[in-house]
Amino acid sequence: MKKITGILIVIAIVGVLVILWTRKAETPKEPSPEGEEPVISEEATPENTTPKVVGEELEGVDLGDLQKELQGIDSELEGLK
């Protein structure tokens, strides 16, 4: 009788572990902390990766908002001390 009870307990434990393992494998992975994956609008070619073209695209980026965002993060971190 003890042997049958032990076997049933082992089978139950294995069954529960298999169910938990398969559910974990089915859950979708969370997006990265940075947010969604970046969208590539065009492929890199020798024509669009020259220093001149890259420089022109970088000039169009507004860094003023970035500085404001970093200052906001700094003030929040100071509040945690």
C-alpha atoms as a PDB file:
ATOM      1  CA  MET A   1       0.000   0.000   0.000  1.00  0.00           C
ATOM      2  CA  LYS A   2       2.816   2.425   0.841  1.00  0.00           C
ATOM      3  CA  LYS A   3       4.487   1.666  -2.473  1.00  0.00           C
ATOM      4  CA  ILE A   4       1.332   2.506  -4.471  1.00  0.00           C
ATOM      5  CA  THR A   5       0.812   5.749  -2.528  1.00  0.00           C
ATOM      6  CA  GLY A   6       4.422   6.786  -3.183  1.00  0.00           C
ATOM      7  CA  ILE A   7       4.085   6.064  -6.890  1.00  0.00           C
ATOM      8  CA  LEU A   8       0.850   8.071  -7.103  1.00  0.00           C
ATOM      9  CA  ILE A   9       2.468  11.029  -5.325  1.00  0.00           C
ATOM     10  CA  VAL A  10       5.437  10.955  -7.703  1.00  0.00           C
ATOM     11  CA  ILE A  11       3.107  10.771 -10.733  1.00  0.00           C
ATOM     12  CA  ALA A  12       1.044  13.702  -9.393  1.00  0.00           C
ATOM     13  CA  ILE A  13       4.149  15.833  -8.803  1.00  0.00           C
ATOM     14  CA  VAL A  14       5.509  15.053 -12.283  1.00  0.00           C
ATOM     15  CA  GLY A  15       2.114  15.881 -13.803  1.00  0.00           C
ATOM     16  CA  VAL A  16       1.952  19.250 -12.060  1.00  0.00           C
ATOM     17  CA  LEU A  17       5.511  20.095 -13.114  1.00  0.00           C
ATOM     18  CA  VAL A  18       4.780  19.199 -16.743  1.00  0.00           C
ATOM     19  CA  ILE A  19       1.667  21.401 -16.733  1.00  0.00           C
ATOM     20  CA  LEU A  20       3.551  24.337 -15.214  1.00  0.00           C
ATOM     21  CA  TRP A  21       6.442  23.898 -17.641  1.00  0.00           C
ATOM     22  CA  THR A  22       4.194  23.869 -20.714  1.00  0.00           C
ATOM     23  CA  ARG A  23       2.255  26.919 -19.528  1.00  0.00           C
ATOM     24  CA  LYS A  24       5.480  28.835 -18.994  1.00  0.00           C
ATOM     25  CA  ALA A  25       6.606  27.941 -22.525  1.00  0.00           C
ATOM     26  CA  GLU A  26       3.277  29.164 -23.954  1.00  0.00           C
ATOM     27  CA  THR A  27       3.313  32.593 -22.289  1.00  0.00           C
ATOM     28  CA  PRO A  28       4.426  35.391 -24.619  1.00  0.00           C
ATOM     29  CA  LYS A  29       7.676  37.076 -23.800  1.00  0.00           C
ATOM     30  CA  GLU A  30       7.467  40.606 -22.472  1.00  0.00           C
ATOM     31  CA  PRO A  31       8.808  43.410 -24.639  1.00  0.00           C
ATOM     32  CA  SER A  32      12.190  44.806 -23.809  1.00  0.00           C
ATOM     33  CA  PRO A  33      12.337  47.629 -21.222  1.00  0.00           C
ATOM     34  CA  GLU A  34      13.128  50.099 -23.964  1.00  0.00           C
ATOM     35  CA  GLY A  35       9.766  49.433 -25.578  1.00  0.00           C
ATOM     36  CA  GLU A  36       8.937  47.960 -28.911  1.00  0.00           C
ATOM     37  CA  GLU A  37      11.444  46.690 -31.402  1.00  0.00           C
ATOM     38  CA  PRO A  38      12.892  49.392 -33.632  1.00  0.00           C
ATOM     39  CA  VAL A  39      11.402  49.723 -37.090  1.00  0.00           C
ATOM     40  CA  ILE A  40      13.931  49.831 -39.892  1.00  0.00           C
ATOM     41  CA  SER A  41      12.590  52.084 -42.609  1.00  0.00           C
ATOM     42  CA  GLU A  42      15.273  51.311 -45.167  1.00  0.00           C
ATOM     43  CA  GLU A  43      18.162  48.948 -45.620  1.00  0.00           C
ATOM     44  CA  ALA A  44      21.721  50.175 -45.226  1.00  0.00           C
ATOM     45  CA  THR A  45      23.420  50.763 -48.558  1.00  0.00           C
ATOM     46  CA  PRO A  46      26.693  52.453 -49.442  1.00  0.00           C
ATOM     47  CA  GLU A  47      24.709  55.473 -50.652  1.00  0.00           C
ATOM     48  CA  ASN A  48      22.785  56.096 -47.431  1.00  0.00           C
ATOM     49  CA  THR A  49      25.610  55.315 -44.995  1.00  0.00           C
ATOM     50  CA  THR A  50      28.089  57.949 -46.080  1.00  0.00           C
ATOM     51  CA  PRO A  51      29.207  60.336 -43.338  1.00  0.00           C
ATOM     52  CA  LYS A  52      27.427  63.230 -45.071  1.00  0.00           C
ATOM     53  CA  VAL A  53      24.055  61.448 -45.197  1.00  0.00           C
ATOM     54  CA  VAL A  54      24.349  60.176 -41.624  1.00  0.00           C
ATOM     55  CA  GLY A  55      25.321  63.636 -40.413  1.00  0.00           C
ATOM     56  CA  GLU A  56      22.302  65.182 -42.120  1.00  0.00           C
ATOM     57  CA  GLU A  57      19.981  62.688 -40.451  1.00  0.00           C
ATOM     58  CA  LEU A  58      21.558  63.273 -37.047  1.00  0.00           C
ATOM     59  CA  GLU A  59      21.111  67.028 -37.394  1.00  0.00           C
ATOM     60  CA  GLY A  60      17.376  66.453 -37.688  1.00  0.00           C
ATOM     61  CA  VAL A  61      17.184  64.816 -34.245  1.00  0.00           C
ATOM     62  CA  ASP A  62      15.835  67.158 -31.568  1.00  0.00           C
ATOM     63  CA  LEU A  63      18.081  66.722 -28.530  1.00  0.00           C
ATOM     64  CA  GLY A  64      16.333  69.433 -26.526  1.00  0.00           C
ATOM     65  CA  ASP A  65      13.616  67.021 -25.450  1.00  0.00           C
ATOM     66  CA  LEU A  66      16.268  64.443 -24.569  1.00  0.00           C
ATOM     67  CA  GLN A  67      17.997  66.843 -22.193  1.00  0.00           C
ATOM     68  CA  LYS A  68      14.663  67.701 -20.578  1.00  0.00           C
ATOM     69  CA  GLU A  69      13.858  64.010 -20.159  1.00  0.00           C
ATOM     70  CA  LEU A  70      17.257  63.286 -18.600  1.00  0.00           C
ATOM     71  CA  GLN A  71      16.817  66.164 -16.163  1.00  0.00           C
ATOM     72  CA  GLY A  72      13.429  64.754 -15.174  1.00  0.00           C
ATOM     73  CA  ILE A  73      14.987  61.355 -14.546  1.00  0.00           C
ATOM     74  CA  ASP A  74      17.759  62.954 -12.476  1.00  0.00           C
ATOM     75  CA  SER A  75      15.223  64.772 -10.295  1.00  0.00           C
ATOM     76  CA  GLU A  76      13.238  61.558  -9.782  1.00  0.00           C
ATOM     77  CA  LEU A  77      16.412  59.719  -8.775  1.00  0.00           C
ATOM     78  CA  GLU A  78      17.289  62.483  -6.321  1.00  0.00           C
ATOM     79  CA  GLY A  79      13.838  62.040  -4.757  1.00  0.00           C
ATOM     80  CA  LEU A  80      14.606  58.372  -4.098  1.00  0.00           C
ATOM     81  CA  LYS A  81      17.604  59.137  -1.876  1.00  0.00           C
END
